[in-house]
Amino acid sequence: MRNHYGRRRLRFFFPVFILMALFFFSFAVYWLWNKVLVAVVPVKVVTYWQAMGLLILSRILLGGVKAGPGGGRSPEGGGPPWREKFRQMSDEDRAKFKNEWRRRGEDRS
C-alpha cells in the first residue's frame, strides 16, 4: 500500500510557498523603490501594496502569463515545433535535409 501523505503535503505547501515568495519579492520591490529610486529619480514613495501591484503588473507585461502545464511547453520537453519533425525523420531524410540547408547557406555567401 502506497502512502500519499507526501503528495498531499506538497500540494498544500506549493501554494504557501508561492504566496511567501510573492510577499518577499513585493517587500524587495518596496524597499528598493523607496531607498534607491526615490533618491535617484523624481518619483513618489510607494506603499507595500503598491509595490506588490507593480510586481504583478511587471510580470504580466514583461514576463507574460503562460497557461498550461510547464508554462505552455509541451509535455515532451518543449522546444520549437520543427524539432519533433526532425526527430521523426529517417537518417536518410535527415541527411538530405542537412545538405539542403548547407547548400542554401552557401548560396547566400
Foldseek 3Di string as FASTA:
>chain_A
DDDCPVVVVCVVVVVVVVVVVLLVVLVVQLVCCQPPVVVPDPDDRDDSVVSSVVVVVCCCVPVNQADDPPRVADPVGRDDPVVVVLVPDDPVVNVVVVVVVVVVVVVVD
